Amino acid sequence: MLKRALAMAVVVLASVVLTSASPAYEIKPRTPDSAFSGKLQPDILGLSSNIDASKAGSIFESHARELGVAPQATQQKFGSSNITYVSVMRLDRPAAPDHAAESLSAAFSSPASGNLAYFISRDLGFLGGQQPTKAEMIQRVIDKYGTPTLIGDGVIYFFYKGGKLVSVKQKYTPANAADALNAPIAPRAAVALNDANGHGSCVAMLKRAQALTDRSLDQLNAATTETNCDGLVAVGLSPGTSPDRVGKAVFTVIDFKLATSAAKIDSEALAAQKNDASRNSTSNAPKL
């Protein structure tokens, strides 16, 4: 398995994201497929699936300074080579009397597939006196991401397939969007998100992905293998001090297509690196 071939360590995020102690092995990156392209690049605080760990590091460091916390990074070793890279970035600010809790995280593929972000999430809390209304938050989300595919069960969903935003013919207005948020997902809309065999709804895939404690490519792909969409954006809004207020917002961007493509590229690159290491080991054997 891919994750067994990678050694991990948690460190304070540094400006150097990809390092190699030896030039003996060189990775030749390949660009994975993606659910998003061109102007269709949904992001969270500037983090999207076309951002590599090097660029993401600057975003994390900047936001961490604003919050007064230190970002953390998980480093992994590429196979048996001396190449290490950042696979996860995270920052956390605990709740305090003068501010609510906030966290931000991103998972990245290996440098063989560009070290790109494929799973980005942000949990944003609001203090009691600073909680926006649900109507205000819904409008902010729509202004940023466009027309939702679906609203219901406390979540605003945007699903992508074939380079486009999926439509299930649900019409939302400022007047009915908040009511839709508080209501269950419309049954017809939910069925329309399944594949021809009645499986793969991205609503279910999102729940599986969010439940993962290990968001590595192996684990994400295993949990969402039936997904019927290429990518998603979801914004969950939890009630605050009153039913019409938002106490917490959970933002999620997942590029399933990139995760699948990157896993294949990474696996092939690890196999090539293993073969290269084996050849070098043989060539160093003494002549008899």
C-alpha atoms as a PDB file:
ATOM      1  CA  MET A   1       0.000   0.000   0.000  1.00  0.00           C
ATOM      2  CA  LEU A   2       1.126   3.526  -0.720  1.00  0.00           C
ATOM      3  CA  LYS A   3       0.928   4.770   2.836  1.00  0.00           C
ATOM      4  CA  ARG A   4       3.153   1.931   4.061  1.00  0.00           C
ATOM      5  CA  ALA A   5       5.900   3.178   1.768  1.00  0.00           C
ATOM      6  CA  LEU A   6       5.864   6.654   3.295  1.00  0.00           C
ATOM      7  CA  ALA A   7       7.444   7.627   6.610  1.00  0.00           C
ATOM      8  CA  MET A   8       5.796  10.543   8.414  1.00  0.00           C
ATOM      9  CA  ALA A   9       6.829  13.264  10.859  1.00  0.00           C
ATOM     10  CA  VAL A  10       5.008  16.335  12.173  1.00  0.00           C
ATOM     11  CA  VAL A  11       6.993  19.566  12.112  1.00  0.00           C
ATOM     12  CA  VAL A  12       6.414  23.295  12.350  1.00  0.00           C
ATOM     13  CA  LEU A  13       5.707  24.509   8.829  1.00  0.00           C
ATOM     14  CA  ALA A  14       8.852  25.862   7.196  1.00  0.00           C
ATOM     15  CA  SER A  15       9.356  27.783   3.973  1.00  0.00           C
ATOM     16  CA  VAL A  16      11.086  24.784   2.366  1.00  0.00           C
ATOM     17  CA  VAL A  17       8.385  22.257   1.548  1.00  0.00           C
ATOM     18  CA  LEU A  18      10.260  19.799  -0.667  1.00  0.00           C
ATOM     19  CA  THR A  19      13.817  18.803   0.184  1.00  0.00           C
ATOM     20  CA  SER A  20      16.326  16.177  -0.857  1.00  0.00           C
ATOM     21  CA  ALA A  21      19.533  15.312   0.933  1.00  0.00           C
ATOM     22  CA  SER A  22      20.923  13.533  -2.113  1.00  0.00           C
ATOM     23  CA  PRO A  23      20.681  14.071  -5.882  1.00  0.00           C
ATOM     24  CA  ALA A  24      20.855  10.297  -6.457  1.00  0.00           C
ATOM     25  CA  TYR A  25      17.147  10.019  -7.312  1.00  0.00           C
ATOM     26  CA  GLU A  26      15.128  12.610  -9.208  1.00  0.00           C
ATOM     27  CA  ILE A  27      11.345  12.684  -9.373  1.00  0.00           C
ATOM     28  CA  LYS A  28       9.837  13.590 -12.737  1.00  0.00           C
ATOM     29  CA  PRO A  29       6.431  15.083 -11.843  1.00  0.00           C
ATOM     30  CA  ARG A  30       3.319  14.361 -13.860  1.00  0.00           C
ATOM     31  CA  THR A  31       0.167  16.476 -13.727  1.00  0.00           C
ATOM     32  CA  PRO A  32      -2.883  14.548 -12.463  1.00  0.00           C
ATOM     33  CA  ASP A  33      -6.391  14.958 -13.832  1.00  0.00           C
ATOM     34  CA  SER A  34      -8.626  17.348 -11.908  1.00  0.00           C
ATOM     35  CA  ALA A  35     -12.313  18.070 -11.428  1.00  0.00           C
ATOM     36  CA  PHE A  36     -11.551  21.772 -11.790  1.00  0.00           C
ATOM     37  CA  SER A  37      -9.888  23.763 -14.565  1.00  0.00           C
ATOM     38  CA  GLY A  38      -9.649  27.259 -16.003  1.00  0.00           C
ATOM     39  CA  LYS A  39     -11.769  29.732 -14.066  1.00  0.00           C
ATOM     40  CA  LEU A  40     -13.538  26.891 -12.293  1.00  0.00           C
ATOM     41  CA  GLN A  41     -11.220  26.713  -9.267  1.00  0.00           C
ATOM     42  CA  PRO A  42     -13.225  26.810  -6.017  1.00  0.00           C
ATOM     43  CA  ASP A  43     -11.048  27.698  -3.057  1.00  0.00           C
ATOM     44  CA  ILE A  44     -10.966  28.167   0.697  1.00  0.00           C
ATOM     45  CA  LEU A  45      -8.894  31.219   1.671  1.00  0.00           C
ATOM     46  CA  GLY A  46      -7.059  30.890  -1.648  1.00  0.00           C
ATOM     47  CA  LEU A  47      -6.375  27.155  -1.211  1.00  0.00           C
ATOM     48  CA  SER A  48      -7.556  25.089  -4.184  1.00  0.00           C
ATOM     49  CA  SER A  49      -6.628  21.856  -5.927  1.00  0.00           C
ATOM     50  CA  ASN A  50      -4.322  23.654  -8.374  1.00  0.00           C
ATOM     51  CA  ILE A  51      -2.176  24.894  -5.453  1.00  0.00           C
ATOM     52  CA  ASP A  52       0.922  22.916  -4.537  1.00  0.00           C
ATOM     53  CA  ALA A  53       2.307  22.612  -1.021  1.00  0.00           C
ATOM     54  CA  SER A  54       4.942  25.305  -1.591  1.00  0.00           C
ATOM     55  CA  LYS A  55       2.331  27.946  -2.440  1.00  0.00           C
ATOM     56  CA  ALA A  56      -0.071  26.638   0.187  1.00  0.00           C
ATOM     57  CA  GLY A  57       2.632  27.061   2.834  1.00  0.00           C
ATOM     58  CA  SER A  58       2.636  30.825   2.304  1.00  0.00           C
ATOM     59  CA  ILE A  59      -1.165  30.941   2.684  1.00  0.00           C
ATOM     60  CA  PHE A  60      -1.057  28.907   5.895  1.00  0.00           C
ATOM     61  CA  GLU A  61       1.738  31.012   7.358  1.00  0.00           C
ATOM     62  CA  SER A  62      -0.063  34.261   6.539  1.00  0.00           C
ATOM     63  CA  HIS A  63      -3.369  33.129   8.052  1.00  0.00           C
ATOM     64  CA  ALA A  64      -1.612  31.661  11.082  1.00  0.00           C
ATOM     65  CA  ARG A  65       0.003  35.037  11.786  1.00  0.00           C
ATOM     66  CA  GLU A  66      -3.421  36.673  11.661  1.00  0.00           C
ATOM     67  CA  LEU A  67      -4.732  34.170  14.199  1.00  0.00           C
ATOM     68  CA  GLY A  68      -1.607  34.207  16.377  1.00  0.00           C
ATOM     69  CA  VAL A  69      -0.927  30.465  16.076  1.00  0.00           C
ATOM     70  CA  ALA A  70       1.796  28.250  14.583  1.00  0.00           C
ATOM     71  CA  PRO A  71       0.902  26.105  11.546  1.00  0.00           C
ATOM     72  CA  GLN A  72       1.942  22.469  11.528  1.00  0.00           C
ATOM     73  CA  ALA A  73       3.044  20.227   8.678  1.00  0.00           C
ATOM     74  CA  THR A  74       3.286  16.467   8.307  1.00  0.00           C
ATOM     75  CA  GLN A  75       6.347  15.460   6.309  1.00  0.00           C
ATOM     76  CA  GLN A  76       6.618  12.177   4.462  1.00  0.00           C
ATOM     77  CA  LYS A  77       9.519  10.397   2.863  1.00  0.00           C
ATOM     78  CA  PHE A  78       9.153   9.344  -0.756  1.00  0.00           C
ATOM     79  CA  GLY A  79       9.748   5.611  -0.720  1.00  0.00           C
ATOM     80  CA  SER A  80      13.343   4.773   0.238  1.00  0.00           C
ATOM     81  CA  SER A  81      14.740   7.943  -1.341  1.00  0.00           C
ATOM     82  CA  ASN A  82      16.103  10.947   0.552  1.00  0.00           C
ATOM     83  CA  ILE A  83      13.262  13.113  -0.742  1.00  0.00           C
ATOM     84  CA  THR A  84      10.830  14.421   1.851  1.00  0.00           C
ATOM     85  CA  TYR A  85       7.728  16.522   1.254  1.00  0.00           C
ATOM     86  CA  VAL A  86       4.724  17.948   3.062  1.00  0.00           C
ATOM     87  CA  SER A  87       1.613  15.757   2.830  1.00  0.00           C
ATOM     88  CA  VAL A  88      -0.597  17.607   5.333  1.00  0.00           C
ATOM     89  CA  MET A  89      -0.752  21.188   6.590  1.00  0.00           C
ATOM     90  CA  ARG A  90      -2.866  22.274   9.517  1.00  0.00           C
ATOM     91  CA  LEU A  91      -3.471  25.117  11.917  1.00  0.00           C
ATOM     92  CA  ASP A  92      -5.744  25.256  14.954  1.00  0.00           C
ATOM     93  CA  ARG A  93      -6.869  28.131  17.142  1.00  0.00           C
ATOM     94  CA  PRO A  94      -8.755  27.027  20.276  1.00  0.00           C
ATOM     95  CA  ALA A  95     -11.751  29.018  21.453  1.00  0.00           C
ATOM     96  CA  ALA A  96     -11.145  31.821  23.967  1.00  0.00           C
ATOM     97  CA  PRO A  97     -13.321  34.541  25.536  1.00  0.00           C
ATOM     98  CA  ASP A  98     -12.426  36.985  22.754  1.00  0.00           C
ATOM     99  CA  HIS A  99     -12.637  34.624  19.782  1.00  0.00           C
ATOM    100  CA  ALA A 100     -14.234  31.399  18.556  1.00  0.00           C
ATOM    101  CA  ALA A 101     -12.359  28.262  17.529  1.00  0.00           C
ATOM    102  CA  GLU A 102     -11.000  27.912  14.008  1.00  0.00           C
ATOM    103  CA  SER A 103      -9.061  25.229  12.122  1.00  0.00           C
ATOM    104  CA  LEU A 104      -7.721  24.886   8.596  1.00  0.00           C
ATOM    105  CA  SER A 105      -6.219  21.811   6.943  1.00  0.00           C
ATOM    106  CA  ALA A 106      -5.123  20.550   3.539  1.00  0.00           C
ATOM    107  CA  ALA A 107      -3.903  17.171   2.276  1.00  0.00           C
ATOM    108  CA  PHE A 108      -1.415  16.937  -0.603  1.00  0.00           C
ATOM    109  CA  SER A 109      -0.319  14.317  -3.100  1.00  0.00           C
ATOM    110  CA  SER A 110       3.349  13.373  -3.454  1.00  0.00           C
ATOM    111  CA  PRO A 111       5.781  15.420  -5.594  1.00  0.00           C
ATOM    112  CA  ALA A 112       5.419  12.755  -8.305  1.00  0.00           C
ATOM    113  CA  SER A 113       1.930  14.154  -8.981  1.00  0.00           C
ATOM    114  CA  GLY A 114       2.789  17.792  -8.297  1.00  0.00           C
ATOM    115  CA  ASN A 115       2.347  17.826  -4.487  1.00  0.00           C
ATOM    116  CA  LEU A 116      -1.139  19.250  -5.094  1.00  0.00           C
ATOM    117  CA  ALA A 117      -3.955  19.798  -2.587  1.00  0.00           C
ATOM    118  CA  TYR A 118      -6.898  17.423  -2.998  1.00  0.00           C
ATOM    119  CA  PHE A 119      -8.763  17.758   0.343  1.00  0.00           C
ATOM    120  CA  ILE A 120      -9.141  21.189   1.959  1.00  0.00           C
ATOM    121  CA  SER A 121     -11.288  22.014   4.972  1.00  0.00           C
ATOM    122  CA  ARG A 122     -11.926  24.907   7.324  1.00  0.00           C
ATOM    123  CA  ASP A 123     -13.948  24.937  10.536  1.00  0.00           C
ATOM    124  CA  LEU A 124     -14.928  28.498  11.468  1.00  0.00           C
ATOM    125  CA  GLY A 125     -16.699  29.340  14.696  1.00  0.00           C
ATOM    126  CA  PHE A 126     -18.494  32.592  15.565  1.00  0.00           C
ATOM    127  CA  LEU A 127     -18.799  34.273  18.957  1.00  0.00           C
ATOM    128  CA  GLY A 128     -22.319  34.814  20.255  1.00  0.00           C
ATOM    129  CA  GLY A 129     -22.396  38.542  19.552  1.00  0.00           C
ATOM    130  CA  GLN A 130     -20.814  38.151  16.116  1.00  0.00           C
ATOM    131  CA  GLN A 131     -22.897  35.372  14.617  1.00  0.00           C
ATOM    132  CA  PRO A 132     -24.218  36.111  11.109  1.00  0.00           C
ATOM    133  CA  THR A 133     -27.725  35.152  10.103  1.00  0.00           C
ATOM    134  CA  LYS A 134     -28.227  32.040   7.988  1.00  0.00           C
ATOM    135  CA  ALA A 135     -29.559  34.216   5.181  1.00  0.00           C
ATOM    136  CA  GLU A 136     -26.383  36.339   5.246  1.00  0.00           C
ATOM    137  CA  MET A 137     -24.092  33.289   5.200  1.00  0.00           C
ATOM    138  CA  ILE A 138     -26.013  31.593   2.400  1.00  0.00           C
ATOM    139  CA  GLN A 139     -25.705  34.743   0.283  1.00  0.00           C
ATOM    140  CA  ARG A 140     -21.961  35.029   0.999  1.00  0.00           C
ATOM    141  CA  VAL A 141     -21.468  31.403  -0.034  1.00  0.00           C
ATOM    142  CA  ILE A 142     -23.471  31.836  -3.244  1.00  0.00           C
ATOM    143  CA  ASP A 143     -21.576  35.037  -4.076  1.00  0.00           C
ATOM    144  CA  LYS A 144     -18.299  33.091  -3.798  1.00  0.00           C
ATOM    145  CA  TYR A 145     -19.141  29.706  -5.327  1.00  0.00           C
ATOM    146  CA  GLY A 146     -22.135  30.348  -7.577  1.00  0.00           C
ATOM    147  CA  THR A 147     -25.513  28.611  -7.777  1.00  0.00           C
ATOM    148  CA  PRO A 148     -25.691  25.586  -5.441  1.00  0.00           C
ATOM    149  CA  THR A 149     -26.456  22.120  -6.718  1.00  0.00           C
ATOM    150  CA  LEU A 150     -28.412  21.427  -3.574  1.00  0.00           C
ATOM    151  CA  ILE A 151     -29.303  22.907  -0.188  1.00  0.00           C
ATOM    152  CA  GLY A 152     -30.589  20.820   2.703  1.00  0.00           C
ATOM    153  CA  ASP A 153     -29.792  19.129   5.996  1.00  0.00           C
ATOM    154  CA  GLY A 154     -27.860  22.222   7.078  1.00  0.00           C
ATOM    155  CA  VAL A 155     -25.432  22.065   4.119  1.00  0.00           C
ATOM    156  CA  ILE A 156     -24.978  24.039   0.882  1.00  0.00           C
ATOM    157  CA  TYR A 157     -23.659  21.650  -1.784  1.00  0.00           C
ATOM    158  CA  PHE A 158     -21.817  22.294  -5.049  1.00  0.00           C
ATOM    159  CA  PHE A 159     -21.066  19.142  -7.072  1.00  0.00           C
ATOM    160  CA  TYR A 160     -18.887  19.048 -10.191  1.00  0.00           C
ATOM    161  CA  LYS A 161     -18.727  16.547 -13.026  1.00  0.00           C
ATOM    162  CA  GLY A 162     -17.255  16.729 -16.526  1.00  0.00           C
ATOM    163  CA  GLY A 163     -15.799  20.159 -15.838  1.00  0.00           C
ATOM    164  CA  LYS A 164     -19.177  21.653 -14.953  1.00  0.00           C
ATOM    165  CA  LEU A 165     -21.303  22.383 -11.922  1.00  0.00           C
ATOM    166  CA  VAL A 166     -24.002  19.708 -11.603  1.00  0.00           C
ATOM    167  CA  SER A 167     -27.627  20.837 -11.633  1.00  0.00           C
ATOM    168  CA  VAL A 168     -30.543  18.858 -10.218  1.00  0.00           C
ATOM    169  CA  LYS A 169     -33.044  21.588 -11.153  1.00  0.00           C
ATOM    170  CA  GLN A 170     -33.416  23.057  -7.687  1.00  0.00           C
ATOM    171  CA  LYS A 171     -34.168  26.788  -7.687  1.00  0.00           C
ATOM    172  CA  TYR A 172     -33.178  28.859  -4.680  1.00  0.00           C
ATOM    173  CA  THR A 173     -33.983  32.464  -3.877  1.00  0.00           C
ATOM    174  CA  PRO A 174     -33.023  34.608  -0.873  1.00  0.00           C
ATOM    175  CA  ALA A 175     -36.532  33.974   0.387  1.00  0.00           C
ATOM    176  CA  ASN A 176     -36.491  30.140   0.268  1.00  0.00           C
ATOM    177  CA  ALA A 177     -32.802  29.244   0.673  1.00  0.00           C
ATOM    178  CA  ALA A 178     -32.836  29.470   4.478  1.00  0.00           C
ATOM    179  CA  ASP A 179     -35.963  27.300   4.627  1.00  0.00           C
ATOM    180  CA  ALA A 180     -34.288  24.748   2.350  1.00  0.00           C
ATOM    181  CA  LEU A 181     -31.197  24.727   4.599  1.00  0.00           C
ATOM    182  CA  ASN A 182     -33.308  23.800   7.610  1.00  0.00           C
ATOM    183  CA  ALA A 183     -35.229  21.102   5.738  1.00  0.00           C
ATOM    184  CA  PRO A 184     -34.198  17.584   4.633  1.00  0.00           C
ATOM    185  CA  ILE A 185     -32.722  17.214   1.151  1.00  0.00           C
ATOM    186  CA  ALA A 186     -35.423  16.983  -1.500  1.00  0.00           C
ATOM    187  CA  PRO A 187     -35.822  13.231  -2.318  1.00  0.00           C
ATOM    188  CA  ARG A 188     -35.936  13.725  -6.095  1.00  0.00           C
ATOM    189  CA  ALA A 189     -32.758  15.801  -6.005  1.00  0.00           C
ATOM    190  CA  ALA A 190     -30.988  13.182  -3.908  1.00  0.00           C
ATOM    191  CA  VAL A 191     -31.942  10.407  -6.357  1.00  0.00           C
ATOM    192  CA  ALA A 192     -30.722  12.516  -9.307  1.00  0.00           C
ATOM    193  CA  LEU A 193     -27.227  12.556  -7.791  1.00  0.00           C
ATOM    194  CA  ASN A 194     -26.903   8.754  -7.889  1.00  0.00           C
ATOM    195  CA  ASP A 195     -25.406   6.813 -10.772  1.00  0.00           C
ATOM    196  CA  ALA A 196     -27.450   4.487 -13.011  1.00  0.00           C
ATOM    197  CA  ASN A 197     -27.244   1.759 -10.365  1.00  0.00           C
ATOM    198  CA  GLY A 198     -28.536   4.028  -7.607  1.00  0.00           C
ATOM    199  CA  HIS A 199     -25.150   4.485  -5.931  1.00  0.00           C
ATOM    200  CA  GLY A 200     -22.387   7.066  -5.631  1.00  0.00           C
ATOM    201  CA  SER A 201     -24.282  10.120  -4.389  1.00  0.00           C
ATOM    202  CA  CYS A 202     -21.785  12.834  -3.535  1.00  0.00           C
ATOM    203  CA  VAL A 203     -23.810  13.638  -0.427  1.00  0.00           C
ATOM    204  CA  ALA A 204     -22.918  10.197   0.918  1.00  0.00           C
ATOM    205  CA  MET A 205     -19.328  10.460  -0.378  1.00  0.00           C
ATOM    206  CA  LEU A 206     -18.867  13.772   1.438  1.00  0.00           C
ATOM    207  CA  LYS A 207     -20.008  12.235   4.723  1.00  0.00           C
ATOM    208  CA  ARG A 208     -17.594   9.313   4.268  1.00  0.00           C
ATOM    209  CA  ALA A 209     -14.714  11.657   3.470  1.00  0.00           C
ATOM    210  CA  GLN A 210     -15.388  13.955   6.418  1.00  0.00           C
ATOM    211  CA  ALA A 211     -15.504  10.967   8.772  1.00  0.00           C
ATOM    212  CA  LEU A 212     -11.944   9.962   7.866  1.00  0.00           C
ATOM    213  CA  THR A 213      -9.253  10.608  10.452  1.00  0.00           C
ATOM    214  CA  ASP A 214      -6.629   9.628   7.872  1.00  0.00           C
ATOM    215  CA  ARG A 215      -7.186  11.646   4.696  1.00  0.00           C
ATOM    216  CA  SER A 216      -4.367  10.076   2.713  1.00  0.00           C
ATOM    217  CA  LEU A 217      -4.999   9.243  -0.941  1.00  0.00           C
ATOM    218  CA  ASP A 218      -5.323   5.540  -0.110  1.00  0.00           C
ATOM    219  CA  GLN A 219      -7.945   6.095   2.569  1.00  0.00           C
ATOM    220  CA  LEU A 220      -9.930   8.743   0.693  1.00  0.00           C
ATOM    221  CA  ASN A 221     -10.102   6.714  -2.513  1.00  0.00           C
ATOM    222  CA  ALA A 222     -11.068   3.552  -0.642  1.00  0.00           C
ATOM    223  CA  ALA A 223     -13.909   5.349   1.164  1.00  0.00           C
ATOM    224  CA  THR A 224     -15.270   7.120  -1.926  1.00  0.00           C
ATOM    225  CA  THR A 225     -14.644   4.608  -4.713  1.00  0.00           C
ATOM    226  CA  GLU A 226     -18.317   4.741  -5.826  1.00  0.00           C
ATOM    227  CA  THR A 227     -18.481   8.523  -6.114  1.00  0.00           C
ATOM    228  CA  ASN A 228     -20.666   9.801  -8.949  1.00  0.00           C
ATOM    229  CA  CYS A 229     -19.034  13.234  -9.142  1.00  0.00           C
ATOM    230  CA  ASP A 230     -15.531  14.513  -9.858  1.00  0.00           C
ATOM    231  CA  GLY A 231     -15.325  17.066  -7.080  1.00  0.00           C
ATOM    232  CA  LEU A 232     -17.316  19.082  -4.575  1.00  0.00           C
ATOM    233  CA  VAL A 233     -17.593  22.136  -2.393  1.00  0.00           C
ATOM    234  CA  ALA A 234     -19.743  21.922   0.720  1.00  0.00           C
ATOM    235  CA  VAL A 235     -20.518  24.501   3.381  1.00  0.00           C
ATOM    236  CA  GLY A 236     -22.228  23.225   6.510  1.00  0.00           C
ATOM    237  CA  LEU A 237     -23.921  25.803   8.748  1.00  0.00           C
ATOM    238  CA  SER A 238     -24.698  24.934  12.378  1.00  0.00           C
ATOM    239  CA  PRO A 239     -27.237  26.922  14.431  1.00  0.00           C
ATOM    240  CA  GLY A 240     -25.939  29.550  16.836  1.00  0.00           C
ATOM    241  CA  THR A 241     -27.475  31.304  19.816  1.00  0.00           C
ATOM    242  CA  SER A 242     -30.804  31.370  17.969  1.00  0.00           C
ATOM    243  CA  PRO A 243     -32.165  29.198  15.128  1.00  0.00           C
ATOM    244  CA  ASP A 244     -31.651  31.946  12.523  1.00  0.00           C
ATOM    245  CA  ARG A 245     -27.999  32.521  13.476  1.00  0.00           C
ATOM    246  CA  VAL A 246     -24.869  30.573  12.469  1.00  0.00           C
ATOM    247  CA  GLY A 247     -22.627  29.363  15.287  1.00  0.00           C
ATOM    248  CA  LYS A 248     -20.215  27.405  13.105  1.00  0.00           C
ATOM    249  CA  ALA A 249     -19.436  27.021   9.404  1.00  0.00           C
ATOM    250  CA  VAL A 250     -17.579  24.027   7.949  1.00  0.00           C
ATOM    251  CA  PHE A 251     -16.083  24.559   4.471  1.00  0.00           C
ATOM    252  CA  THR A 252     -14.886  21.578   2.429  1.00  0.00           C
ATOM    253  CA  VAL A 253     -13.307  21.276  -1.036  1.00  0.00           C
ATOM    254  CA  ILE A 254     -12.502  17.779  -2.360  1.00  0.00           C
ATOM    255  CA  ASP A 255     -11.116  16.945  -5.795  1.00  0.00           C
ATOM    256  CA  PHE A 256     -11.987  13.239  -6.154  1.00  0.00           C
ATOM    257  CA  LYS A 257     -10.741  13.100  -9.738  1.00  0.00           C
ATOM    258  CA  LEU A 258      -7.337  14.462  -8.727  1.00  0.00           C
ATOM    259  CA  ALA A 259      -7.128  12.053  -5.788  1.00  0.00           C
ATOM    260  CA  THR A 260      -7.748   9.054  -8.044  1.00  0.00           C
ATOM    261  CA  SER A 261      -5.341  10.226 -10.741  1.00  0.00           C
ATOM    262  CA  ALA A 262      -2.620  11.260  -8.281  1.00  0.00           C
ATOM    263  CA  ALA A 263      -2.775   7.921  -6.463  1.00  0.00           C
ATOM    264  CA  LYS A 264      -2.063   6.114  -9.732  1.00  0.00           C
ATOM    265  CA  ILE A 265       0.817   8.450 -10.594  1.00  0.00           C
ATOM    266  CA  ASP A 266       2.287   8.212  -7.091  1.00  0.00           C
ATOM    267  CA  SER A 267       2.059   4.428  -7.073  1.00  0.00           C
ATOM    268  CA  GLU A 268       3.845   4.146 -10.417  1.00  0.00           C
ATOM    269  CA  ALA A 269       6.536   6.609  -9.297  1.00  0.00           C
ATOM    270  CA  LEU A 270       7.121   4.696  -6.060  1.00  0.00           C
ATOM    271  CA  ALA A 271       7.495   1.456  -8.009  1.00  0.00           C
ATOM    272  CA  ALA A 272      10.001   3.144 -10.332  1.00  0.00           C
ATOM    273  CA  GLN A 273      11.936   4.525  -7.357  1.00  0.00           C
ATOM    274  CA  LYS A 274      12.036   1.080  -5.778  1.00  0.00           C
ATOM    275  CA  ASN A 275      13.398  -0.427  -8.978  1.00  0.00           C
ATOM    276  CA  ASP A 276      15.974   2.342  -9.248  1.00  0.00           C
ATOM    277  CA  ALA A 277      17.116   1.741  -5.673  1.00  0.00           C
ATOM    278  CA  SER A 278      17.350  -1.999  -6.367  1.00  0.00           C
ATOM    279  CA  ARG A 279      19.499  -1.450  -9.465  1.00  0.00           C
ATOM    280  CA  ASN A 280      21.830   0.903  -7.593  1.00  0.00           C
ATOM    281  CA  SER A 281      22.173  -1.615  -4.774  1.00  0.00           C
ATOM    282  CA  THR A 282      23.122  -4.321  -7.266  1.00  0.00           C
ATOM    283  CA  SER A 283      25.581  -2.097  -9.104  1.00  0.00           C
ATOM    284  CA  ASN A 284      27.428  -1.347  -5.865  1.00  0.00           C
ATOM    285  CA  ALA A 285      28.101  -5.022  -5.181  1.00  0.00           C
ATOM    286  CA  PRO A 286      31.815  -5.960  -5.236  1.00  0.00           C
ATOM    287  CA  LYS A 287      33.145  -7.826  -8.270  1.00  0.00           C
ATOM    288  CA  LEU A 288      34.104 -11.418  -7.541  1.00  0.00           C
END
